[in-house]
């Protein structure tokens, strides 16, 4: 899983943006969000995927590249 995720972040931005996190969801590729007012922000790209419970998984946000990620 770690190797596949590292390969995902090596992909061009255009490829990563195919699963970009929409404004009304927290799953997908995007930036860390603000949890509370006054929080010290540390900019970082992230890939948020809900795994458990399985009925909360949104596979449309799971990368198809690199091959074998799922």
C-alpha atoms as a PDB file:
ATOM      1  CA  UNK A   1       0.000   0.000   0.000  1.00  0.00           C
ATOM      2  CA  UNK A   2       2.822   2.416   0.892  1.00  0.00           C
ATOM      3  CA  UNK A   3       4.622   1.740  -2.394  1.00  0.00           C
ATOM      4  CA  UNK A   4       1.444   2.198  -4.452  1.00  0.00           C
ATOM      5  CA  UNK A   5       0.657   5.453  -2.647  1.00  0.00           C
ATOM      6  CA  UNK A   6       4.190   6.769  -3.180  1.00  0.00           C
ATOM      7  CA  UNK A   7       3.840   5.973  -6.900  1.00  0.00           C
ATOM      8  CA  UNK A   8       0.505   7.833  -6.974  1.00  0.00           C
ATOM      9  CA  UNK A   9       2.178  11.009  -5.670  1.00  0.00           C
ATOM     10  CA  UNK A  10       4.887  10.674  -8.336  1.00  0.00           C
ATOM     11  CA  UNK A  11       2.240  10.941 -11.066  1.00  0.00           C
ATOM     12  CA  UNK A  12       1.839  14.258 -12.911  1.00  0.00           C
ATOM     13  CA  UNK A  13      -0.577  16.708 -11.303  1.00  0.00           C
ATOM     14  CA  UNK A  14      -2.971  16.298 -14.232  1.00  0.00           C
ATOM     15  CA  UNK A  15      -3.271  12.574 -13.475  1.00  0.00           C
ATOM     16  CA  UNK A  16      -3.721  13.079  -9.708  1.00  0.00           C
ATOM     17  CA  UNK A  17      -6.400  15.718 -10.322  1.00  0.00           C
ATOM     18  CA  UNK A  18      -8.593  13.101 -12.032  1.00  0.00           C
ATOM     19  CA  UNK A  19      -9.733  12.083  -8.539  1.00  0.00           C
ATOM     20  CA  UNK A  20      -9.688  15.575  -7.040  1.00  0.00           C
ATOM     21  CA  UNK A  21     -11.632  16.031  -3.820  1.00  0.00           C
ATOM     22  CA  UNK A  22     -14.889  17.909  -4.506  1.00  0.00           C
ATOM     23  CA  UNK A  23     -15.830  20.816  -2.251  1.00  0.00           C
ATOM     24  CA  UNK A  24     -18.700  18.823  -0.709  1.00  0.00           C
ATOM     25  CA  UNK A  25     -16.694  15.710   0.229  1.00  0.00           C
ATOM     26  CA  UNK A  26     -13.515  14.766   2.063  1.00  0.00           C
ATOM     27  CA  UNK A  27     -12.532  11.774  -0.079  1.00  0.00           C
ATOM     28  CA  UNK A  28     -10.164  12.026  -3.003  1.00  0.00           C
ATOM     29  CA  UNK A  29      -6.941  13.885  -3.780  1.00  0.00           C
ATOM     30  CA  UNK A  30      -6.470  17.356  -2.364  1.00  0.00           C
ATOM     31  CA  UNK A  31      -5.061  19.424   0.435  1.00  0.00           C
ATOM     32  CA  UNK A  32      -5.372  18.962   4.160  1.00  0.00           C
ATOM     33  CA  UNK A  33      -8.353  20.818   5.533  1.00  0.00           C
ATOM     34  CA  UNK A  34      -8.832  23.148   8.495  1.00  0.00           C
ATOM     35  CA  UNK A  35     -10.222  21.286  11.514  1.00  0.00           C
ATOM     36  CA  UNK A  36     -10.706  24.293  13.771  1.00  0.00           C
ATOM     37  CA  UNK A  37     -10.315  28.061  13.706  1.00  0.00           C
ATOM     38  CA  UNK A  38      -6.859  29.245  14.762  1.00  0.00           C
ATOM     39  CA  UNK A  39      -5.226  26.017  13.604  1.00  0.00           C
ATOM     40  CA  UNK A  40      -1.637  26.296  12.388  1.00  0.00           C
ATOM     41  CA  UNK A  41      -1.765  25.238   8.760  1.00  0.00           C
ATOM     42  CA  UNK A  42       0.856  23.052   7.123  1.00  0.00           C
ATOM     43  CA  UNK A  43       0.234  22.826   3.385  1.00  0.00           C
ATOM     44  CA  UNK A  44       0.359  19.288   2.089  1.00  0.00           C
ATOM     45  CA  UNK A  45      -1.217  17.190  -0.612  1.00  0.00           C
ATOM     46  CA  UNK A  46      -3.193  14.215   0.619  1.00  0.00           C
ATOM     47  CA  UNK A  47      -5.143  11.258  -0.640  1.00  0.00           C
ATOM     48  CA  UNK A  48      -8.140  10.622   1.599  1.00  0.00           C
ATOM     49  CA  UNK A  49      -9.903   7.297   1.089  1.00  0.00           C
ATOM     50  CA  UNK A  50     -12.565   5.961   3.401  1.00  0.00           C
ATOM     51  CA  UNK A  51     -11.943   2.243   3.803  1.00  0.00           C
ATOM     52  CA  UNK A  52     -14.123   1.171   6.696  1.00  0.00           C
ATOM     53  CA  UNK A  53     -17.011   0.636   6.969  1.00  0.00           C
ATOM     54  CA  UNK A  54     -17.148  -0.589   3.408  1.00  0.00           C
ATOM     55  CA  UNK A  55     -20.495   1.070   2.628  1.00  0.00           C
ATOM     56  CA  UNK A  56     -18.761   4.469   3.013  1.00  0.00           C
ATOM     57  CA  UNK A  57     -16.171   3.684   0.318  1.00  0.00           C
ATOM     58  CA  UNK A  58     -16.461   5.836  -2.762  1.00  0.00           C
ATOM     59  CA  UNK A  59     -14.453   3.906  -5.324  1.00  0.00           C
ATOM     60  CA  UNK A  60     -14.741   6.760  -7.833  1.00  0.00           C
ATOM     61  CA  UNK A  61     -12.018   8.457  -5.754  1.00  0.00           C
ATOM     62  CA  UNK A  62      -9.702   5.425  -5.743  1.00  0.00           C
ATOM     63  CA  UNK A  63      -6.866   5.881  -8.247  1.00  0.00           C
ATOM     64  CA  UNK A  64      -6.762   3.698 -11.329  1.00  0.00           C
ATOM     65  CA  UNK A  65      -3.110   4.638 -11.764  1.00  0.00           C
ATOM     66  CA  UNK A  66      -0.637   3.330 -10.779  1.00  0.00           C
ATOM     67  CA  UNK A  67      -1.969  -0.031 -11.905  1.00  0.00           C
ATOM     68  CA  UNK A  68      -2.843  -2.315  -9.026  1.00  0.00           C
ATOM     69  CA  UNK A  69      -3.535   0.438  -6.485  1.00  0.00           C
ATOM     70  CA  UNK A  70      -6.858  -1.075  -5.444  1.00  0.00           C
END
